[in-house]
Amino acid sequence: MIADEKELDFCHQYGSSHILKNERIHIVTSNKGLKSLQIDQLQVIIPLQWLKAIGTKHPLSALLEDIKIRQMSYRSFSEIMQENFIENISKNHADIGLLKGIAKGYKGALVSSGPSLNETIHSLKKVKDNFFILAVVSTLKNLM
């Protein structure tokens, strides 16, 4: 947890000091402490209330919101994503090596499903003659 002294005092004052004693929580109050943490052992926790409190004009607002959305998506869909991945790699697909060199001289675009696909389709139509477009199966109906 990254906190300043005022925030730590607030925790003690309002009965949350037990959280600060948890051995899994590391409290960082300086840049030196931040540099000593191992990044692969960190989990960023961003309560929705914090996002609301800092407001959309804060310079980190968009970044923190993106992290929160990714965390929520991962938590909700990680199991099915793993199942889909295992099923997809187990299918007997044609040798990808057959595609080697097919797009030489073209820029490429990899298209996948998602909320921005409808916006992306308009851009792809404009550049389709200059790009080699690869698409995941779930996007083919929309692209045709």
Protein backbone atom coordinates (compact mmCIF):
# COMPACT_ATOMS: atom_id res chain seq x y z
CA MET A 1 0.00 0.00 0.00
CA ILE A 2 1.35 3.41 -0.88
CA ALA A 3 0.40 5.91 1.77
CA ASP A 4 1.57 9.13 3.32
CA GLU A 5 1.77 9.78 7.03
CA LYS A 6 -1.64 11.51 7.13
CA GLU A 7 -3.31 8.45 5.58
CA LEU A 8 -1.62 6.16 8.10
CA ASP A 9 -2.79 8.38 10.96
CA PHE A 10 -6.30 8.25 9.51
CA CYS A 11 -6.23 4.42 9.54
CA HIS A 12 -5.14 4.37 13.17
CA GLN A 13 -7.64 7.02 14.21
CA TYR A 14 -10.67 5.33 12.63
CA GLY A 15 -10.03 1.77 13.73
CA SER A 16 -8.37 0.30 10.64
CA SER A 17 -4.94 -0.28 12.14
CA HIS A 18 -5.47 -4.07 12.02
CA ILE A 19 -5.20 -3.83 8.22
CA LEU A 20 -1.79 -2.23 8.55
CA LYS A 21 -0.54 -5.18 10.64
CA ASN A 22 -1.37 -7.76 7.96
CA GLU A 23 1.91 -9.40 6.86
CA ARG A 24 0.74 -9.52 3.22
CA ILE A 25 0.40 -5.74 3.10
CA HIS A 26 3.54 -3.66 2.65
CA ILE A 27 3.23 0.01 3.36
CA VAL A 28 5.36 2.32 1.26
CA THR A 29 5.78 5.92 2.33
CA SER A 30 8.72 6.94 0.13
CA ASN A 31 10.29 6.38 -3.27
CA LYS A 32 13.00 4.32 -1.60
CA GLY A 33 10.40 1.92 -0.23
CA LEU A 34 8.72 1.71 -3.63
CA LYS A 35 11.97 0.74 -5.36
CA SER A 36 12.55 -2.09 -2.88
CA LEU A 37 9.34 -3.91 -3.81
CA GLN A 38 9.41 -6.81 -6.26
CA ILE A 39 6.99 -5.92 -9.02
CA ASP A 40 6.11 -9.53 -9.85
CA GLN A 41 4.80 -10.01 -6.32
CA LEU A 42 2.49 -7.00 -6.30
CA GLN A 43 -1.22 -6.77 -6.81
CA VAL A 44 -2.70 -3.36 -7.39
CA ILE A 45 -5.97 -2.91 -5.53
CA ILE A 46 -8.08 0.01 -6.68
CA PRO A 47 -11.41 0.37 -4.88
CA LEU A 48 -14.14 1.85 -7.07
CA GLN A 49 -14.69 4.50 -4.40
CA TRP A 50 -11.14 5.75 -4.96
CA LEU A 51 -11.77 6.12 -8.67
CA LYS A 52 -14.90 8.12 -7.94
CA ALA A 53 -13.12 10.21 -5.32
CA ILE A 54 -10.21 11.29 -7.52
CA GLY A 55 -12.55 12.23 -10.36
CA THR A 56 -12.04 12.08 -14.10
CA LYS A 57 -9.84 15.19 -14.24
CA HIS A 58 -7.05 13.58 -12.19
CA PRO A 59 -4.04 12.74 -14.44
CA LEU A 60 -4.08 9.07 -13.35
CA SER A 61 -7.84 8.61 -13.63
CA ALA A 62 -7.89 6.94 -17.07
CA LEU A 63 -4.94 4.67 -16.26
CA LEU A 64 -6.38 3.55 -12.92
CA GLU A 65 -9.80 2.95 -14.47
CA ASP A 66 -8.21 0.84 -17.22
CA ILE A 67 -6.36 -1.26 -14.62
CA LYS A 68 -9.59 -1.73 -12.64
CA ILE A 69 -11.55 -2.83 -15.73
CA ARG A 70 -8.84 -5.32 -16.69
CA GLN A 71 -8.78 -6.74 -13.16
CA MET A 72 -12.55 -7.14 -13.08
CA SER A 73 -12.57 -8.76 -16.54
CA TYR A 74 -9.80 -11.16 -15.57
CA ARG A 75 -11.57 -12.13 -12.36
CA SER A 76 -14.85 -12.69 -14.21
CA PHE A 77 -13.55 -14.52 -17.27
CA SER A 78 -10.18 -16.10 -16.44
CA GLU A 79 -11.57 -19.62 -16.11
CA ILE A 80 -13.42 -19.58 -19.43
CA MET A 81 -10.47 -17.88 -21.14
CA GLN A 82 -8.20 -20.70 -20.01
CA GLU A 83 -10.72 -23.34 -21.18
CA ASN A 84 -11.03 -21.63 -24.57
CA PHE A 85 -7.27 -21.37 -24.96
CA ILE A 86 -6.77 -25.07 -24.21
CA GLU A 87 -9.56 -26.05 -26.62
CA ASN A 88 -8.22 -23.81 -29.37
CA ILE A 89 -4.67 -25.14 -29.22
CA SER A 90 -5.92 -28.72 -29.17
CA LYS A 91 -7.70 -28.34 -32.50
CA ASN A 92 -5.88 -29.62 -35.55
CA HIS A 93 -5.39 -26.46 -37.62
CA ALA A 94 -3.47 -26.14 -40.84
CA ASP A 95 0.22 -25.46 -40.51
CA ILE A 96 0.70 -21.73 -39.90
CA GLY A 97 3.99 -22.03 -41.74
CA LEU A 98 1.97 -22.08 -44.96
CA LEU A 99 1.25 -18.39 -44.42
CA LYS A 100 4.92 -17.40 -44.29
CA GLY A 101 5.61 -14.54 -46.69
CA ILE A 102 1.98 -14.17 -47.80
CA ALA A 103 1.79 -10.59 -46.49
CA LYS A 104 5.25 -9.45 -47.53
CA GLY A 105 5.23 -5.74 -48.29
CA TYR A 106 2.00 -5.09 -46.40
CA LYS A 107 1.39 -3.59 -43.02
CA GLY A 108 -0.67 -5.89 -40.85
CA ALA A 109 -3.68 -5.59 -38.60
CA LEU A 110 -4.87 -8.24 -36.16
CA VAL A 111 -8.57 -7.85 -35.46
CA SER A 112 -10.32 -9.35 -32.45
CA SER A 113 -13.74 -8.99 -30.86
CA GLY A 114 -14.37 -6.29 -28.32
CA PRO A 115 -16.39 -3.17 -27.58
CA SER A 116 -14.50 -1.04 -30.10
CA LEU A 117 -14.91 -3.44 -33.03
CA ASN A 118 -17.73 -1.43 -34.64
CA GLU A 119 -15.53 1.69 -34.64
CA THR A 120 -12.55 -0.31 -35.91
CA ILE A 121 -14.50 -1.73 -38.85
CA HIS A 122 -14.92 1.74 -40.36
CA SER A 123 -11.15 2.35 -40.18
CA LEU A 124 -10.37 -1.09 -41.61
CA LYS A 125 -12.60 -0.46 -44.64
CA LYS A 126 -10.55 2.66 -45.42
CA VAL A 127 -7.19 0.87 -45.30
CA LYS A 128 -8.14 -2.64 -46.45
CA ASP A 129 -6.23 -2.40 -49.75
CA ASN A 130 -2.99 -1.44 -48.00
CA PHE A 131 -3.11 -3.81 -45.00
CA PHE A 132 -2.98 -7.55 -44.56
CA ILE A 133 -5.83 -8.18 -42.14
CA LEU A 134 -5.85 -11.17 -39.82
CA ALA A 135 -8.98 -11.77 -37.79
CA VAL A 136 -10.06 -14.13 -35.06
CA VAL A 137 -13.06 -16.27 -35.94
CA SER A 138 -15.47 -14.35 -33.70
CA THR A 139 -14.99 -11.20 -35.82
CA LEU A 140 -15.48 -12.72 -39.27
CA LYS A 141 -19.27 -12.24 -39.41
CA ASN A 142 -18.90 -8.53 -38.59
CA LEU A 143 -16.06 -8.05 -41.06
CA MET A 144 -17.75 -9.69 -44.03
